[in-house]
Amino acid sequence: MPNADFVIEGYIDPIEPLRDEGPFGDHTGYYTLPEPYPVFHVTAITHRRDAVYPVTIVGLPPMEDFYIGGASVKLFLPIFK
């Protein structure tokens, strides 16, 4: 992957029991309930020298991703219509 800023390598053991993951918050302030998922075992994390890791912080609304979502709707709604 020559264009990747970060690469996370690992494996999932198909016979390993699922584990609960969550709850997770979103930009509306709602939280999803924990649900069972396969466990990903990380064996290596690598990154390029000038890697960029774009993130947003999720918490009680309104947070920054709420405004990004609103701006996206204003930009793309006319195209979708």
PDB file of N, CA and C in Angstrom:
ATOM      1  N   MET A   1       0.832  -1.192   0.000  1.00  0.00           N
ATOM      2  CA  MET A   1       0.000   0.000   0.000  1.00  0.00           C
ATOM      3  C   MET A   1       0.878   1.258   0.000  1.00  0.00           C
ATOM      4  N   PRO A   2       1.354   1.674  -1.124  1.00  0.00           N
ATOM      5  CA  PRO A   2       2.253   2.822  -1.147  1.00  0.00           C
ATOM      6  C   PRO A   2       1.581   4.144  -0.778  1.00  0.00           C
ATOM      7  N   ASN A   3       0.247   4.214  -0.808  1.00  0.00           N
ATOM      8  CA  ASN A   3      -0.431   5.468  -0.495  1.00  0.00           C
ATOM      9  C   ASN A   3      -0.984   5.526   0.920  1.00  0.00           C
ATOM     10  N   ALA A   4      -0.774   4.509   1.721  1.00  0.00           N
ATOM     11  CA  ALA A   4      -1.325   4.475   3.072  1.00  0.00           C
ATOM     12  C   ALA A   4      -0.457   5.280   4.030  1.00  0.00           C
ATOM     13  N   ASP A   5      -1.109   6.080   4.880  1.00  0.00           N
ATOM     14  CA  ASP A   5      -0.375   6.776   5.930  1.00  0.00           C
ATOM     15  C   ASP A   5      -0.099   5.838   7.099  1.00  0.00           C
ATOM     16  N   PHE A   6      -1.054   4.966   7.400  1.00  0.00           N
ATOM     17  CA  PHE A   6      -0.910   4.002   8.491  1.00  0.00           C
ATOM     18  C   PHE A   6      -1.338   2.622   8.003  1.00  0.00           C
ATOM     19  N   VAL A   7      -0.673   1.584   8.492  1.00  0.00           N
ATOM     20  CA  VAL A   7      -1.060   0.200   8.211  1.00  0.00           C
ATOM     21  C   VAL A   7      -1.114  -0.534   9.546  1.00  0.00           C
ATOM     22  N   ILE A   8      -2.264  -1.139   9.819  1.00  0.00           N
ATOM     23  CA  ILE A   8      -2.427  -1.952  11.022  1.00  0.00           C
ATOM     24  C   ILE A   8      -2.547  -3.396  10.557  1.00  0.00           C
ATOM     25  N   GLU A   9      -1.611  -4.224  10.983  1.00  0.00           N
ATOM     26  CA  GLU A   9      -1.602  -5.623  10.585  1.00  0.00           C
ATOM     27  C   GLU A   9      -2.043  -6.491  11.752  1.00  0.00           C
ATOM     28  N   GLY A  10      -2.701  -7.600  11.432  1.00  0.00           N
ATOM     29  CA  GLY A  10      -3.121  -8.509  12.478  1.00  0.00           C
ATOM     30  C   GLY A  10      -3.951  -9.638  11.922  1.00  0.00           C
ATOM     31  N   TYR A  11      -4.656 -10.307  12.824  1.00  0.00           N
ATOM     32  CA  TYR A  11      -5.442 -11.457  12.411  1.00  0.00           C
ATOM     33  C   TYR A  11      -6.668 -11.605  13.302  1.00  0.00           C
ATOM     34  N   ILE A  12      -7.640 -12.360  12.796  1.00  0.00           N
ATOM     35  CA  ILE A  12      -8.832 -12.742  13.552  1.00  0.00           C
ATOM     36  C   ILE A  12      -8.843 -14.255  13.614  1.00  0.00           C
ATOM     37  N   ASP A  13      -8.956 -14.806  14.803  1.00  0.00           N
ATOM     38  CA  ASP A  13      -9.039 -16.250  14.990  1.00  0.00           C
ATOM     39  C   ASP A  13     -10.509 -16.656  14.872  1.00  0.00           C
ATOM     40  N   PRO A  14     -10.874 -17.391  13.817  1.00  0.00           N
ATOM     41  CA  PRO A  14     -12.291 -17.693  13.598  1.00  0.00           C
ATOM     42  C   PRO A  14     -12.927 -18.571  14.671  1.00  0.00           C
ATOM     43  N   ILE A  15     -12.131 -19.273  15.472  1.00  0.00           N
ATOM     44  CA  ILE A  15     -12.719 -20.106  16.527  1.00  0.00           C
ATOM     45  C   ILE A  15     -12.733 -19.424  17.886  1.00  0.00           C
ATOM     46  N   GLU A  16     -12.153 -18.232  17.963  1.00  0.00           N
ATOM     47  CA  GLU A  16     -12.164 -17.490  19.222  1.00  0.00           C
ATOM     48  C   GLU A  16     -13.558 -16.908  19.463  1.00  0.00           C
ATOM     49  N   PRO A  17     -14.046 -16.960  20.701  1.00  0.00           N
ATOM     50  CA  PRO A  17     -15.374 -16.395  20.984  1.00  0.00           C
ATOM     51  C   PRO A  17     -15.427 -14.892  20.694  1.00  0.00           C
ATOM     52  N   LEU A  18     -16.603 -14.420  20.302  1.00  0.00           N
ATOM     53  CA  LEU A  18     -16.809 -12.994  20.074  1.00  0.00           C
ATOM     54  C   LEU A  18     -16.761 -12.255  21.405  1.00  0.00           C
ATOM     55  N   ARG A  19     -16.420 -10.968  21.356  1.00  0.00           N
ATOM     56  CA  ARG A  19     -16.409 -10.121  22.561  1.00  0.00           C
ATOM     57  C   ARG A  19     -17.271  -8.896  22.318  1.00  0.00           C
ATOM     58  N   ASP A  20     -17.872  -8.405  23.399  1.00  0.00           N
ATOM     59  CA  ASP A  20     -18.669  -7.190  23.284  1.00  0.00           C
ATOM     60  C   ASP A  20     -17.787  -5.992  22.983  1.00  0.00           C
ATOM     61  N   GLU A  21     -18.272  -5.143  22.064  1.00  0.00           N
ATOM     62  CA  GLU A  21     -17.570  -3.915  21.707  1.00  0.00           C
ATOM     63  C   GLU A  21     -18.580  -2.779  21.769  1.00  0.00           C
ATOM     64  N   GLY A  22     -18.182  -1.689  22.374  1.00  0.00           N
ATOM     65  CA  GLY A  22     -19.083  -0.551  22.513  1.00  0.00           C
ATOM     66  C   GLY A  22     -19.348  -0.282  23.982  1.00  0.00           C
ATOM     67  N   PRO A  23     -20.177   0.652  24.314  1.00  0.00           N
ATOM     68  CA  PRO A  23     -21.004   1.471  23.426  1.00  0.00           C
ATOM     69  C   PRO A  23     -20.177   2.546  22.720  1.00  0.00           C
ATOM     70  N   PHE A  24     -20.693   3.004  21.585  1.00  0.00           N
ATOM     71  CA  PHE A  24     -20.033   4.045  20.813  1.00  0.00           C
ATOM     72  C   PHE A  24     -20.959   5.251  20.702  1.00  0.00           C
ATOM     73  N   GLY A  25     -20.383   6.437  20.773  1.00  0.00           N
ATOM     74  CA  GLY A  25     -21.155   7.662  20.615  1.00  0.00           C
ATOM     75  C   GLY A  25     -21.080   8.177  19.195  1.00  0.00           C
ATOM     76  N   ASP A  26     -22.095   8.916  18.784  1.00  0.00           N
ATOM     77  CA  ASP A  26     -22.041   9.565  17.474  1.00  0.00           C
ATOM     78  C   ASP A  26     -22.359  11.050  17.626  1.00  0.00           C
ATOM     79  N   HIS A  27     -22.338  11.766  16.499  1.00  0.00           N
ATOM     80  CA  HIS A  27     -22.455  13.222  16.551  1.00  0.00           C
ATOM     81  C   HIS A  27     -23.817  13.706  17.020  1.00  0.00           C
ATOM     82  N   THR A  28     -24.810  12.837  17.042  1.00  0.00           N
ATOM     83  CA  THR A  28     -26.132  13.266  17.510  1.00  0.00           C
ATOM     84  C   THR A  28     -26.265  13.152  19.024  1.00  0.00           C
ATOM     85  N   GLY A  29     -25.286  12.522  19.673  1.00  0.00           N
ATOM     86  CA  GLY A  29     -25.339  12.347  21.120  1.00  0.00           C
ATOM     87  C   GLY A  29     -25.891  11.008  21.538  1.00  0.00           C
ATOM     88  N   TYR A  30     -26.341  10.196  20.574  1.00  0.00           N
ATOM     89  CA  TYR A  30     -26.843   8.856  20.900  1.00  0.00           C
ATOM     90  C   TYR A  30     -25.684   7.875  20.999  1.00  0.00           C
ATOM     91  N   TYR A  31     -25.894   6.844  21.756  1.00  0.00           N
ATOM     92  CA  TYR A  31     -24.884   5.810  21.914  1.00  0.00           C
ATOM     93  C   TYR A  31     -25.463   4.464  21.503  1.00  0.00           C
ATOM     94  N   THR A  32     -24.687   3.688  20.738  1.00  0.00           N
ATOM     95  CA  THR A  32     -25.117   2.350  20.368  1.00  0.00           C
ATOM     96  C   THR A  32     -24.832   1.410  21.533  1.00  0.00           C
ATOM     97  N   LEU A  33     -25.608   0.360  21.636  1.00  0.00           N
ATOM     98  CA  LEU A  33     -25.390  -0.628  22.684  1.00  0.00           C
ATOM     99  C   LEU A  33     -24.201  -1.513  22.318  1.00  0.00           C
ATOM    100  N   PRO A  34     -23.555  -2.116  23.320  1.00  0.00           N
ATOM    101  CA  PRO A  34     -22.476  -3.063  23.008  1.00  0.00           C
ATOM    102  C   PRO A  34     -23.009  -4.241  22.196  1.00  0.00           C
ATOM    103  N   GLU A  35     -22.211  -4.718  21.243  1.00  0.00           N
ATOM    104  CA  GLU A  35     -22.573  -5.863  20.421  1.00  0.00           C
ATOM    105  C   GLU A  35     -21.359  -6.776  20.283  1.00  0.00           C
ATOM    106  N   PRO A  36     -21.584  -8.076  20.089  1.00  0.00           N
ATOM    107  CA  PRO A  36     -20.447  -9.004  19.946  1.00  0.00           C
ATOM    108  C   PRO A  36     -19.787  -8.882  18.571  1.00  0.00           C
ATOM    109  N   TYR A  37     -18.459  -8.832  18.586  1.00  0.00           N
ATOM    110  CA  TYR A  37     -17.663  -8.746  17.360  1.00  0.00           C
ATOM    111  C   TYR A  37     -16.450  -9.658  17.477  1.00  0.00           C
ATOM    112  N   PRO A  38     -15.876 -10.053  16.330  1.00  0.00           N
ATOM    113  CA  PRO A  38     -14.625 -10.817  16.382  1.00  0.00           C
ATOM    114  C   PRO A  38     -13.499  -9.951  16.951  1.00  0.00           C
ATOM    115  N   VAL A  39     -12.534 -10.608  17.564  1.00  0.00           N
ATOM    116  CA  VAL A  39     -11.388  -9.900  18.144  1.00  0.00           C
ATOM    117  C   VAL A  39     -10.282  -9.812  17.098  1.00  0.00           C
ATOM    118  N   PHE A  40      -9.784  -8.600  16.862  1.00  0.00           N
ATOM    119  CA  PHE A  40      -8.673  -8.376  15.942  1.00  0.00           C
ATOM    120  C   PHE A  40      -7.404  -8.260  16.774  1.00  0.00           C
ATOM    121  N   HIS A  41      -6.460  -9.169  16.553  1.00  0.00           N
ATOM    122  CA  HIS A  41      -5.190  -9.168  17.277  1.00  0.00           C
ATOM    123  C   HIS A  41      -4.158  -8.409  16.446  1.00  0.00           C
ATOM    124  N   VAL A  42      -3.697  -7.280  16.933  1.00  0.00           N
ATOM    125  CA  VAL A  42      -2.743  -6.439  16.212  1.00  0.00           C
ATOM    126  C   VAL A  42      -1.346  -7.018  16.369  1.00  0.00           C
ATOM    127  N   THR A  43      -0.663  -7.206  15.244  1.00  0.00           N
ATOM    128  CA  THR A  43       0.710  -7.715  15.275  1.00  0.00           C
ATOM    129  C   THR A  43       1.731  -6.646  14.898  1.00  0.00           C
ATOM    130  N   ALA A  44       1.290  -5.591  14.198  1.00  0.00           N
ATOM    131  CA  ALA A  44       2.215  -4.521  13.812  1.00  0.00           C
ATOM    132  C   ALA A  44       1.426  -3.284  13.400  1.00  0.00           C
ATOM    133  N   ILE A  45       1.993  -2.133  13.698  1.00  0.00           N
ATOM    134  CA  ILE A  45       1.470  -0.847  13.231  1.00  0.00           C
ATOM    135  C   ILE A  45       2.641  -0.093  12.621  1.00  0.00           C
ATOM    136  N   THR A  46       2.498   0.291  11.370  1.00  0.00           N
ATOM    137  CA  THR A  46       3.552   1.053  10.706  1.00  0.00           C
ATOM    138  C   THR A  46       2.957   2.316  10.108  1.00  0.00           C
ATOM    139  N   HIS A  47       3.803   3.308   9.888  1.00  0.00           N
ATOM    140  CA  HIS A  47       3.338   4.564   9.287  1.00  0.00           C
ATOM    141  C   HIS A  47       4.461   5.200   8.491  1.00  0.00           C
ATOM    142  N   ARG A  48       4.062   6.001   7.538  1.00  0.00           N
ATOM    143  CA  ARG A  48       5.034   6.738   6.745  1.00  0.00           C
ATOM    144  C   ARG A  48       5.599   7.890   7.576  1.00  0.00           C
ATOM    145  N   ARG A  49       6.676   8.430   7.163  1.00  0.00           N
ATOM    146  CA  ARG A  49       7.363   9.474   7.921  1.00  0.00           C
ATOM    147  C   ARG A  49       6.488  10.719   8.101  1.00  0.00           C
ATOM    148  N   ASP A  50       5.760  11.112   7.078  1.00  0.00           N
ATOM    149  CA  ASP A  50       4.948  12.332   7.127  1.00  0.00           C
ATOM    150  C   ASP A  50       3.457  12.012   7.274  1.00  0.00           C
ATOM    151  N   ALA A  51       3.151  10.977   8.027  1.00  0.00           N
ATOM    152  CA  ALA A  51       1.768  10.502   8.142  1.00  0.00           C
ATOM    153  C   ALA A  51       0.844  11.557   8.748  1.00  0.00           C
ATOM    154  N   VAL A  52      -0.393  11.556   8.247  1.00  0.00           N
ATOM    155  CA  VAL A  52      -1.441  12.442   8.759  1.00  0.00           C
ATOM    156  C   VAL A  52      -2.550  11.565   9.316  1.00  0.00           C
ATOM    157  N   TYR A  53      -3.009  11.868  10.533  1.00  0.00           N
ATOM    158  CA  TYR A  53      -4.074  11.098  11.175  1.00  0.00           C
ATOM    159  C   TYR A  53      -5.236  12.035  11.476  1.00  0.00           C
ATOM    160  N   PRO A  54      -6.172  12.205  10.510  1.00  0.00           N
ATOM    161  CA  PRO A  54      -7.294  13.113  10.739  1.00  0.00           C
ATOM    162  C   PRO A  54      -8.320  12.474  11.682  1.00  0.00           C
ATOM    163  N   VAL A  55      -8.751  13.218  12.676  1.00  0.00           N
ATOM    164  CA  VAL A  55      -9.718  12.697  13.642  1.00  0.00           C
ATOM    165  C   VAL A  55     -10.726  13.777  14.017  1.00  0.00           C
ATOM    166  N   THR A  56     -11.825  13.343  14.568  1.00  0.00           N
ATOM    167  CA  THR A  56     -12.767  14.232  15.227  1.00  0.00           C
ATOM    168  C   THR A  56     -13.033  13.658  16.609  1.00  0.00           C
ATOM    169  N   ILE A  57     -13.456  14.506  17.515  1.00  0.00           N
ATOM    170  CA  ILE A  57     -13.757  14.092  18.873  1.00  0.00           C
ATOM    171  C   ILE A  57     -15.269  13.961  19.001  1.00  0.00           C
ATOM    172  N   VAL A  58     -15.724  12.827  19.534  1.00  0.00           N
ATOM    173  CA  VAL A  58     -17.149  12.594  19.704  1.00  0.00           C
ATOM    174  C   VAL A  58     -17.474  12.637  21.190  1.00  0.00           C
ATOM    175  N   GLY A  59     -18.504  13.348  21.543  1.00  0.00           N
ATOM    176  CA  GLY A  59     -18.944  13.437  22.927  1.00  0.00           C
ATOM    177  C   GLY A  59     -20.339  14.012  22.967  1.00  0.00           C
ATOM    178  N   LEU A  60     -20.666  14.673  24.052  1.00  0.00           N
ATOM    179  CA  LEU A  60     -21.979  15.293  24.144  1.00  0.00           C
ATOM    180  C   LEU A  60     -22.102  16.373  23.074  1.00  0.00           C
ATOM    181  N   PRO A  61     -23.235  16.424  22.385  1.00  0.00           N
ATOM    182  CA  PRO A  61     -23.392  17.377  21.282  1.00  0.00           C
ATOM    183  C   PRO A  61     -23.531  18.798  21.785  1.00  0.00           C
ATOM    184  N   PRO A  62     -23.266  19.778  20.932  1.00  0.00           N
ATOM    185  CA  PRO A  62     -22.708  19.589  19.588  1.00  0.00           C
ATOM    186  C   PRO A  62     -21.191  19.562  19.634  1.00  0.00           C
ATOM    187  N   MET A  63     -20.614  18.648  18.890  1.00  0.00           N
ATOM    188  CA  MET A  63     -19.160  18.531  18.779  1.00  0.00           C
ATOM    189  C   MET A  63     -18.765  18.884  17.348  1.00  0.00           C
ATOM    190  N   GLU A  64     -17.469  18.857  17.073  1.00  0.00           N
ATOM    191  CA  GLU A  64     -16.976  19.323  15.775  1.00  0.00           C
ATOM    192  C   GLU A  64     -17.531  18.512  14.606  1.00  0.00           C
ATOM    193  N   ASP A  65     -17.751  17.204  14.788  1.00  0.00           N
ATOM    194  CA  ASP A  65     -18.263  16.424  13.663  1.00  0.00           C
ATOM    195  C   ASP A  65     -19.717  16.773  13.340  1.00  0.00           C
ATOM    196  N   PHE A  66     -20.453  17.334  14.294  1.00  0.00           N
ATOM    197  CA  PHE A  66     -21.818  17.810  14.035  1.00  0.00           C
ATOM    198  C   PHE A  66     -21.782  18.923  12.991  1.00  0.00           C
ATOM    199  N   TYR A  67     -20.859  19.855  13.149  1.00  0.00           N
ATOM    200  CA  TYR A  67     -20.739  20.963  12.211  1.00  0.00           C
ATOM    201  C   TYR A  67     -20.199  20.507  10.857  1.00  0.00           C
ATOM    202  N   ILE A  68     -19.288  19.538  10.878  1.00  0.00           N
ATOM    203  CA  ILE A  68     -18.778  18.988   9.621  1.00  0.00           C
ATOM    204  C   ILE A  68     -19.919  18.293   8.876  1.00  0.00           C
ATOM    205  N   GLY A  69     -20.759  17.545   9.595  1.00  0.00           N
ATOM    206  CA  GLY A  69     -21.909  16.892   8.973  1.00  0.00           C
ATOM    207  C   GLY A  69     -22.871  17.896   8.372  1.00  0.00           C
ATOM    208  N   GLY A  70     -23.149  18.992   9.094  1.00  0.00           N
ATOM    209  CA  GLY A  70     -24.047  20.033   8.576  1.00  0.00           C
ATOM    210  C   GLY A  70     -23.492  20.689   7.328  1.00  0.00           C
ATOM    211  N   ALA A  71     -22.189  20.933   7.337  1.00  0.00           N
ATOM    212  CA  ALA A  71     -21.556  21.543   6.161  1.00  0.00           C
ATOM    213  C   ALA A  71     -21.604  20.587   4.972  1.00  0.00           C
ATOM    214  N   SER A  72     -21.423  19.291   5.222  1.00  0.00           N
ATOM    215  CA  SER A  72     -21.480  18.300   4.144  1.00  0.00           C
ATOM    216  C   SER A  72     -22.864  18.268   3.508  1.00  0.00           C
ATOM    217  N   VAL A  73     -23.896  18.355   4.332  1.00  0.00           N
ATOM    218  CA  VAL A  73     -25.261  18.348   3.806  1.00  0.00           C
ATOM    219  C   VAL A  73     -25.478  19.566   2.916  1.00  0.00           C
ATOM    220  N   LYS A  74     -25.024  20.737   3.350  1.00  0.00           N
ATOM    221  CA  LYS A  74     -25.210  21.957   2.552  1.00  0.00           C
ATOM    222  C   LYS A  74     -24.455  21.856   1.224  1.00  0.00           C
ATOM    223  N   LEU A  75     -23.299  21.222   1.238  1.00  0.00           N
ATOM    224  CA  LEU A  75     -22.506  21.106   0.010  1.00  0.00           C
ATOM    225  C   LEU A  75     -23.078  20.082  -0.963  1.00  0.00           C
ATOM    226  N   PHE A  76     -23.516  18.936  -0.447  1.00  0.00           N
ATOM    227  CA  PHE A  76     -23.873  17.829  -1.328  1.00  0.00           C
ATOM    228  C   PHE A  76     -25.358  17.692  -1.601  1.00  0.00           C
ATOM    229  N   LEU A  77     -26.224  18.276  -0.807  1.00  0.00           N
ATOM    230  CA  LEU A  77     -27.666  18.147  -1.027  1.00  0.00           C
ATOM    231  C   LEU A  77     -28.088  18.634  -2.412  1.00  0.00           C
ATOM    232  N   PRO A  78     -27.594  19.781  -2.886  1.00  0.00           N
ATOM    233  CA  PRO A  78     -27.986  20.203  -4.241  1.00  0.00           C
ATOM    234  C   PRO A  78     -27.580  19.204  -5.321  1.00  0.00           C
ATOM    235  N   ILE A  79     -26.453  18.534  -5.130  1.00  0.00           N
ATOM    236  CA  ILE A  79     -25.992  17.546  -6.108  1.00  0.00           C
ATOM    237  C   ILE A  79     -26.913  16.333  -6.098  1.00  0.00           C
ATOM    238  N   PHE A  80     -27.319  15.907  -4.904  1.00  0.00           N
ATOM    239  CA  PHE A  80     -28.165  14.720  -4.788  1.00  0.00           C
ATOM    240  C   PHE A  80     -29.578  14.974  -5.306  1.00  0.00           C
ATOM    241  N   LYS A  81     -30.033  16.223  -5.233  1.00  0.00           N
ATOM    242  CA  LYS A  81     -31.357  16.543  -5.751  1.00  0.00           C
ATOM    243  C   LYS A  81     -31.347  16.447  -7.255  1.00  0.00           C
TER     244      LYS A  81
END
